[in-house]
C-alpha atoms as a PDB file:
ATOM      1  CA  UNK A   1     -48.102  19.297 -48.929  1.00  0.00           C
ATOM      2  CA  UNK A   2     -48.934  15.774 -50.086  1.00  0.00           C
ATOM      3  CA  UNK A   3     -45.326  15.149 -51.116  1.00  0.00           C
ATOM      4  CA  UNK A   4     -44.054  16.390 -47.751  1.00  0.00           C
ATOM      5  CA  UNK A   5     -46.562  14.196 -45.951  1.00  0.00           C
ATOM      6  CA  UNK A   6     -45.427  11.204 -48.018  1.00  0.00           C
ATOM      7  CA  UNK A   7     -41.780  11.856 -47.164  1.00  0.00           C
ATOM      8  CA  UNK A   8     -42.750  12.154 -43.506  1.00  0.00           C
ATOM      9  CA  UNK A   9     -44.598   8.828 -43.557  1.00  0.00           C
ATOM     10  CA  UNK A  10     -41.570   7.200 -45.201  1.00  0.00           C
ATOM     11  CA  UNK A  11     -39.210   8.593 -42.530  1.00  0.00           C
ATOM     12  CA  UNK A  12     -41.502   7.413 -39.723  1.00  0.00           C
ATOM     13  CA  UNK A  13     -41.883   3.937 -41.240  1.00  0.00           C
ATOM     14  CA  UNK A  14     -38.122   3.537 -41.690  1.00  0.00           C
ATOM     15  CA  UNK A  15     -37.453   4.787 -38.157  1.00  0.00           C
ATOM     16  CA  UNK A  16     -39.951   2.349 -36.661  1.00  0.00           C
ATOM     17  CA  UNK A  17     -38.459  -0.486 -38.718  1.00  0.00           C
ATOM     18  CA  UNK A  18     -34.949   0.334 -37.477  1.00  0.00           C
ATOM     19  CA  UNK A  19     -36.128   0.593 -33.871  1.00  0.00           C
ATOM     20  CA  UNK A  20     -38.188  -2.590 -34.005  1.00  0.00           C
ATOM     21  CA  UNK A  21     -35.349  -4.543 -35.570  1.00  0.00           C
ATOM     22  CA  UNK A  22     -32.871  -3.225 -33.011  1.00  0.00           C
ATOM     23  CA  UNK A  23     -35.009  -4.019 -29.986  1.00  0.00           C
ATOM     24  CA  UNK A  24     -35.780  -7.455 -31.400  1.00  0.00           C
ATOM     25  CA  UNK A  25     -32.157  -8.222 -32.209  1.00  0.00           C
ATOM     26  CA  UNK A  26     -30.358  -6.738 -29.201  1.00  0.00           C
ATOM     27  CA  UNK A  27     -32.909  -7.447 -26.460  1.00  0.00           C
ATOM     28  CA  UNK A  28     -34.752 -10.432 -27.902  1.00  0.00           C
ATOM     29  CA  UNK A  29     -38.147  -8.762 -27.541  1.00  0.00           C
ATOM     30  CA  UNK A  30     -41.146 -10.108 -29.455  1.00  0.00           C
ATOM     31  CA  UNK A  31     -42.115  -8.244 -32.613  1.00  0.00           C
ATOM     32  CA  UNK A  32     -45.047  -6.368 -31.082  1.00  0.00           C
ATOM     33  CA  UNK A  33     -43.021  -5.433 -27.983  1.00  0.00           C
ATOM     34  CA  UNK A  34     -40.198  -4.180 -30.210  1.00  0.00           C
ATOM     35  CA  UNK A  35     -42.640  -2.057 -32.197  1.00  0.00           C
ATOM     36  CA  UNK A  36     -44.183  -0.710 -28.988  1.00  0.00           C
ATOM     37  CA  UNK A  37     -40.783   0.290 -27.595  1.00  0.00           C
ATOM     38  CA  UNK A  38     -39.749   1.912 -30.877  1.00  0.00           C
ATOM     39  CA  UNK A  39     -43.033   3.833 -31.046  1.00  0.00           C
ATOM     40  CA  UNK A  40     -42.817   5.015 -27.463  1.00  0.00           C
ATOM     41  CA  UNK A  41     -39.224   6.180 -27.856  1.00  0.00           C
ATOM     42  CA  UNK A  42     -40.019   7.897 -31.173  1.00  0.00           C
ATOM     43  CA  UNK A  43     -42.841   9.909 -29.608  1.00  0.00           C
ATOM     44  CA  UNK A  44     -40.792  10.867 -26.566  1.00  0.00           C
ATOM     45  CA  UNK A  45     -42.817   8.818 -24.075  1.00  0.00           C
ATOM     46  CA  UNK A  46     -39.928   6.593 -23.000  1.00  0.00           C
ATOM     47  CA  UNK A  47     -39.255   2.883 -23.107  1.00  0.00           C
ATOM     48  CA  UNK A  48     -41.807   0.294 -21.996  1.00  0.00           C
ATOM     49  CA  UNK A  49     -39.483  -2.628 -21.315  1.00  0.00           C
ATOM     50  CA  UNK A  50     -36.322  -2.504 -19.252  1.00  0.00           C
ATOM     51  CA  UNK A  51     -33.120  -3.123 -21.187  1.00  0.00           C
ATOM     52  CA  UNK A  52     -31.074  -5.908 -19.592  1.00  0.00           C
ATOM     53  CA  UNK A  53     -27.963  -6.159 -21.758  1.00  0.00           C
ATOM     54  CA  UNK A  54     -25.298  -3.516 -22.200  1.00  0.00           C
ATOM     55  CA  UNK A  55     -25.630  -3.618 -25.975  1.00  0.00           C
ATOM     56  CA  UNK A  56     -29.408  -3.227 -25.632  1.00  0.00           C
ATOM     57  CA  UNK A  57     -28.944  -0.207 -23.388  1.00  0.00           C
ATOM     58  CA  UNK A  58     -26.504   1.323 -25.868  1.00  0.00           C
ATOM     59  CA  UNK A  59     -28.939   0.707 -28.713  1.00  0.00           C
ATOM     60  CA  UNK A  60     -31.759   2.314 -26.720  1.00  0.00           C
ATOM     61  CA  UNK A  61     -29.542   5.320 -25.979  1.00  0.00           C
ATOM     62  CA  UNK A  62     -28.591   5.923 -29.584  1.00  0.00           C
ATOM     63  CA  UNK A  63     -32.094   5.200 -30.857  1.00  0.00           C
ATOM     64  CA  UNK A  64     -33.499   7.788 -28.445  1.00  0.00           C
ATOM     65  CA  UNK A  65     -30.987  10.392 -29.694  1.00  0.00           C
ATOM     66  CA  UNK A  66     -31.753   9.450 -33.298  1.00  0.00           C
ATOM     67  CA  UNK A  67     -35.493   9.754 -32.606  1.00  0.00           C
ATOM     68  CA  UNK A  68     -35.084  13.268 -31.235  1.00  0.00           C
ATOM     69  CA  UNK A  69     -33.229  14.399 -34.327  1.00  0.00           C
ATOM     70  CA  UNK A  70     -35.734  12.606 -36.553  1.00  0.00           C
ATOM     71  CA  UNK A  71     -38.647  14.401 -34.873  1.00  0.00           C
ATOM     72  CA  UNK A  72     -37.125  17.781 -35.668  1.00  0.00           C
ATOM     73  CA  UNK A  73     -36.396  16.696 -39.237  1.00  0.00           C
ATOM     74  CA  UNK A  74     -39.977  15.529 -39.720  1.00  0.00           C
ATOM     75  CA  UNK A  75     -41.293  18.853 -38.448  1.00  0.00           C
ATOM     76  CA  UNK A  76     -39.021  20.695 -40.877  1.00  0.00           C
ATOM     77  CA  UNK A  77     -40.205  18.573 -43.804  1.00  0.00           C
ATOM     78  CA  UNK A  78     -43.873  19.104 -42.872  1.00  0.00           C
ATOM     79  CA  UNK A  79     -43.571  22.853 -42.258  1.00  0.00           C
ATOM     80  CA  UNK A  80     -41.324  23.714 -45.219  1.00  0.00           C
ATOM     81  CA  UNK A  81     -44.141  24.032 -47.810  1.00  0.00           C
ATOM     82  CA  UNK A  82     -46.196  26.253 -45.511  1.00  0.00           C
ATOM     83  CA  UNK A  83     -43.250  28.493 -44.674  1.00  0.00           C
ATOM     84  CA  UNK A  84     -42.294  28.640 -48.349  1.00  0.00           C
ATOM     85  CA  UNK A  85     -45.823  29.710 -49.266  1.00  0.00           C
ATOM     86  CA  UNK A  86     -45.783  32.336 -46.514  1.00  0.00           C
ATOM     87  CA  UNK A  87     -42.504  33.783 -47.762  1.00  0.00           C
ATOM     88  CA  UNK A  88     -44.032  34.321 -51.194  1.00  0.00           C
ATOM     89  CA  UNK A  89     -46.184  37.067 -49.665  1.00  0.00           C
ATOM     90  CA  UNK A  90     -43.046  39.097 -48.935  1.00  0.00           C
ATOM     91  CA  UNK A  91     -41.533  38.589 -52.388  1.00  0.00           C
ATOM     92  CA  UNK A  92     -41.062  41.701 -54.522  1.00  0.00           C
ATOM     93  CA  UNK A  93     -41.068  41.424 -58.290  1.00  0.00           C
ATOM     94  CA  UNK A  94     -38.208  43.000 -60.210  1.00  0.00           C
ATOM     95  CA  UNK A  95     -40.619  45.570 -61.636  1.00  0.00           C
ATOM     96  CA  UNK A  96     -41.572  46.664 -58.106  1.00  0.00           C
ATOM     97  CA  UNK A  97     -37.966  47.408 -57.177  1.00  0.00           C
ATOM     98  CA  UNK A  98     -37.394  49.499 -60.308  1.00  0.00           C
ATOM     99  CA  UNK A  99     -40.440  51.681 -59.571  1.00  0.00           C
ATOM    100  CA  UNK A 100     -39.454  52.270 -55.945  1.00  0.00           C
ATOM    101  CA  UNK A 101     -38.013  55.712 -55.239  1.00  0.00           C
ATOM    102  CA  UNK A 102     -34.344  55.800 -54.438  1.00  0.00           C
ATOM    103  CA  UNK A 103     -33.171  57.604 -51.307  1.00  0.00           C
END
């Protein structure tokens, strides 16, 4: 679980860095405003500042799509160890299958 949480934190940090850099570069927003926009898009809340340039609007569009996919990936990474552990309960040993009666 700790390893999955670490991977998740790394994905979130990289995603926020990409979003902050993009908003800063394409829209000229201040660092804190760029981080705020990236955070709000990543959590599905929506943008805070209006995008004025076409390239900024395109960046915001693709970053929003990327954030949606990233959210699902993060959930998969976080839930994988728990699901894996749960599937172990249904695992049959080879000895169990040999002792089972055949139809």
